[in-house]
Amino acid sequence: MVAYLELVFRNQAGYLVVISVIDPRPDLTAGEVEAAMDTIMGQNIFTSPGGDLVAKVEARIVEREYVWYNVS
């Protein structure tokens, strides 16, 4: 099982932008996540085709399970 932290923002054009971080710390707190999102927006670290990130929408942990098939 692989875990991802997904940070969801709204950009200047009004579209959603998702930044995914693989394998986040298991003891990550909501406060740490919010502070990271504030830093990303405040320092304009990332941009998108729709412009700068202007609003936090949500953050979530997503767990994915992969099944590999030998197809050769």
N, C-alpha and C. Protein backbone atom coordinates (compact mmCIF):
# COMPACT_ATOMS: atom_id res chain seq x y z
N MET A 1 0.86 -1.17 0.00
CA MET A 1 0.00 0.00 0.00
C MET A 1 0.91 1.23 0.00
N VAL A 2 0.60 2.17 -0.84
CA VAL A 2 1.36 3.40 -0.95
C VAL A 2 0.47 4.55 -0.51
N ALA A 3 0.99 5.42 0.36
CA ALA A 3 0.22 6.56 0.83
C ALA A 3 0.73 7.84 0.16
N TYR A 4 -0.20 8.73 -0.12
CA TYR A 4 0.10 10.04 -0.70
C TYR A 4 -0.60 11.10 0.13
N LEU A 5 0.08 12.20 0.36
CA LEU A 5 -0.54 13.40 0.91
C LEU A 5 -0.89 14.27 -0.27
N GLU A 6 -2.17 14.57 -0.44
CA GLU A 6 -2.61 15.43 -1.54
C GLU A 6 -3.02 16.79 -0.98
N LEU A 7 -2.36 17.83 -1.47
CA LEU A 7 -2.67 19.21 -1.09
C LEU A 7 -3.44 19.83 -2.24
N VAL A 8 -4.65 20.29 -1.98
CA VAL A 8 -5.52 20.79 -3.04
C VAL A 8 -5.66 22.30 -2.87
N PHE A 9 -5.35 23.02 -3.96
CA PHE A 9 -5.41 24.48 -3.99
C PHE A 9 -6.33 24.94 -5.13
N ARG A 10 -6.75 26.19 -5.08
CA ARG A 10 -7.44 26.82 -6.20
C ARG A 10 -6.46 27.84 -6.78
N ASN A 11 -6.38 27.90 -8.12
CA ASN A 11 -5.49 28.87 -8.74
C ASN A 11 -6.25 30.13 -9.17
N GLN A 12 -5.53 31.07 -9.75
CA GLN A 12 -6.13 32.36 -10.14
C GLN A 12 -7.27 32.19 -11.13
N ALA A 13 -7.20 31.16 -11.97
CA ALA A 13 -8.25 30.93 -12.95
C ALA A 13 -9.46 30.20 -12.35
N GLY A 14 -9.36 29.81 -11.08
CA GLY A 14 -10.47 29.13 -10.43
C GLY A 14 -10.42 27.62 -10.51
N TYR A 15 -9.38 27.07 -11.09
CA TYR A 15 -9.25 25.62 -11.23
C TYR A 15 -8.56 25.01 -10.01
N LEU A 16 -8.84 23.74 -9.77
CA LEU A 16 -8.18 23.03 -8.69
C LEU A 16 -6.81 22.52 -9.14
N VAL A 17 -5.84 22.61 -8.24
CA VAL A 17 -4.49 22.12 -8.48
C VAL A 17 -4.14 21.20 -7.32
N VAL A 18 -3.67 19.99 -7.63
CA VAL A 18 -3.32 19.01 -6.60
C VAL A 18 -1.82 18.78 -6.61
N ILE A 19 -1.20 18.93 -5.45
CA ILE A 19 0.21 18.60 -5.27
C ILE A 19 0.25 17.34 -4.42
N SER A 20 0.89 16.30 -4.93
CA SER A 20 0.95 15.02 -4.23
C SER A 20 2.35 14.79 -3.68
N VAL A 21 2.40 14.33 -2.44
CA VAL A 21 3.66 13.97 -1.79
C VAL A 21 3.57 12.50 -1.41
N ILE A 22 4.48 11.71 -1.93
CA ILE A 22 4.45 10.27 -1.65
C ILE A 22 5.03 9.98 -0.27
N ASP A 23 4.41 9.04 0.40
CA ASP A 23 4.88 8.51 1.68
C ASP A 23 5.07 9.59 2.75
N PRO A 24 4.01 10.32 3.10
CA PRO A 24 4.15 11.34 4.14
C PRO A 24 4.40 10.70 5.50
N ARG A 25 4.97 11.48 6.39
CA ARG A 25 5.20 11.00 7.76
C ARG A 25 3.88 10.55 8.38
N PRO A 26 3.86 9.42 9.06
CA PRO A 26 2.61 8.94 9.65
C PRO A 26 2.11 9.81 10.81
N ASP A 27 2.99 10.59 11.42
CA ASP A 27 2.59 11.43 12.55
C ASP A 27 2.33 12.88 12.14
N LEU A 28 2.15 13.13 10.86
CA LEU A 28 1.89 14.48 10.35
C LEU A 28 0.58 15.01 10.95
N THR A 29 0.60 16.27 11.39
CA THR A 29 -0.60 16.86 11.99
C THR A 29 -1.29 17.80 11.01
N ALA A 30 -2.55 18.07 11.28
CA ALA A 30 -3.30 19.01 10.45
C ALA A 30 -2.65 20.39 10.47
N GLY A 31 -2.12 20.79 11.61
CA GLY A 31 -1.45 22.08 11.72
C GLY A 31 -0.22 22.17 10.85
N GLU A 32 0.56 21.09 10.79
CA GLU A 32 1.75 21.07 9.94
C GLU A 32 1.38 21.13 8.47
N VAL A 33 0.32 20.43 8.10
CA VAL A 33 -0.13 20.44 6.71
C VAL A 33 -0.60 21.85 6.33
N GLU A 34 -1.39 22.46 7.20
CA GLU A 34 -1.89 23.81 6.91
C GLU A 34 -0.74 24.81 6.81
N ALA A 35 0.25 24.69 7.70
CA ALA A 35 1.41 25.58 7.65
C ALA A 35 2.18 25.41 6.35
N ALA A 36 2.34 24.16 5.90
CA ALA A 36 3.02 23.90 4.64
C ALA A 36 2.26 24.53 3.47
N MET A 37 0.94 24.39 3.48
CA MET A 37 0.13 24.97 2.41
C MET A 37 0.23 26.49 2.42
N ASP A 38 0.24 27.09 3.61
CA ASP A 38 0.41 28.55 3.72
C ASP A 38 1.75 28.98 3.15
N THR A 39 2.80 28.21 3.45
CA THR A 39 4.14 28.53 2.94
C THR A 39 4.17 28.42 1.43
N ILE A 40 3.59 27.37 0.89
CA ILE A 40 3.56 27.20 -0.57
C ILE A 40 2.90 28.39 -1.24
N MET A 41 1.77 28.83 -0.70
CA MET A 41 1.07 29.99 -1.28
C MET A 41 1.81 31.29 -1.00
N GLY A 42 2.26 31.48 0.24
CA GLY A 42 2.89 32.74 0.63
C GLY A 42 4.19 33.02 -0.09
N GLN A 43 4.95 31.97 -0.37
CA GLN A 43 6.23 32.15 -1.05
C GLN A 43 6.13 31.90 -2.55
N ASN A 44 4.90 31.64 -3.01
CA ASN A 44 4.64 31.42 -4.44
C ASN A 44 5.59 30.36 -5.00
N ILE A 45 5.70 29.25 -4.28
CA ILE A 45 6.65 28.19 -4.63
C ILE A 45 6.26 27.50 -5.94
N PHE A 46 4.98 27.26 -6.13
CA PHE A 46 4.50 26.59 -7.34
C PHE A 46 3.55 27.51 -8.08
N THR A 47 3.50 27.35 -9.38
CA THR A 47 2.49 28.02 -10.18
C THR A 47 1.84 26.96 -11.05
N SER A 48 0.81 27.34 -11.76
CA SER A 48 0.10 26.39 -12.61
C SER A 48 -0.27 27.09 -13.91
N PRO A 49 -0.73 26.34 -14.90
CA PRO A 49 -1.14 26.99 -16.16
C PRO A 49 -2.24 28.03 -15.95
N GLY A 50 -2.99 27.91 -14.85
CA GLY A 50 -4.05 28.86 -14.55
C GLY A 50 -3.60 29.97 -13.61
N GLY A 51 -2.29 30.08 -13.41
CA GLY A 51 -1.76 31.16 -12.56
C GLY A 51 -1.35 30.67 -11.18
N ASP A 52 -1.09 31.62 -10.32
CA ASP A 52 -0.63 31.34 -8.97
C ASP A 52 -1.70 30.61 -8.15
N LEU A 53 -1.25 29.90 -7.13
CA LEU A 53 -2.16 29.26 -6.19
C LEU A 53 -2.64 30.33 -5.22
N VAL A 54 -3.96 30.48 -5.09
CA VAL A 54 -4.50 31.59 -4.32
C VAL A 54 -5.36 31.18 -3.13
N ALA A 55 -5.75 29.89 -3.04
CA ALA A 55 -6.60 29.47 -1.92
C ALA A 55 -6.37 28.00 -1.61
N LYS A 56 -6.41 27.67 -0.31
CA LYS A 56 -6.37 26.28 0.13
C LYS A 56 -7.78 25.72 0.02
N VAL A 57 -7.90 24.51 -0.50
CA VAL A 57 -9.20 23.87 -0.61
C VAL A 57 -9.31 22.73 0.40
N GLU A 58 -8.36 21.80 0.36
CA GLU A 58 -8.36 20.68 1.30
C GLU A 58 -7.03 19.96 1.24
N ALA A 59 -6.82 19.09 2.20
CA ALA A 59 -5.67 18.19 2.22
C ALA A 59 -6.20 16.83 2.63
N ARG A 60 -5.60 15.79 2.06
CA ARG A 60 -6.09 14.45 2.35
C ARG A 60 -4.96 13.43 2.18
N ILE A 61 -5.09 12.33 2.89
CA ILE A 61 -4.20 11.20 2.70
C ILE A 61 -4.95 10.18 1.84
N VAL A 62 -4.30 9.76 0.77
CA VAL A 62 -4.88 8.76 -0.12
C VAL A 62 -3.97 7.54 -0.10
N GLU A 63 -4.55 6.38 0.10
CA GLU A 63 -3.78 5.14 0.07
C GLU A 63 -4.16 4.36 -1.18
N ARG A 64 -3.13 3.93 -1.90
CA ARG A 64 -3.36 3.18 -3.13
C ARG A 64 -2.66 1.84 -3.04
N GLU A 65 -3.34 0.84 -3.54
CA GLU A 65 -2.75 -0.49 -3.61
C GLU A 65 -2.57 -0.83 -5.08
N TYR A 66 -1.38 -1.29 -5.42
CA TYR A 66 -1.07 -1.62 -6.80
C TYR A 66 -0.95 -3.13 -6.93
N VAL A 67 -1.47 -3.65 -8.03
CA VAL A 67 -1.31 -5.06 -8.38
C VAL A 67 -0.61 -5.09 -9.73
N TRP A 68 0.53 -5.76 -9.78
CA TRP A 68 1.31 -5.82 -11.00
C TRP A 68 1.05 -7.15 -11.72
N TYR A 69 0.91 -7.07 -13.03
CA TYR A 69 0.71 -8.25 -13.85
C TYR A 69 1.89 -8.38 -14.81
N ASN A 70 2.35 -9.60 -14.97
CA ASN A 70 3.41 -9.86 -15.95
C ASN A 70 2.74 -10.05 -17.30
N VAL A 71 2.91 -9.10 -18.20
CA VAL A 71 2.23 -9.15 -19.49
C VAL A 71 3.19 -9.37 -20.65
N SER A 72 4.43 -9.71 -20.37
CA SER A 72 5.38 -9.91 -21.47
C SER A 72 5.43 -11.34 -21.93
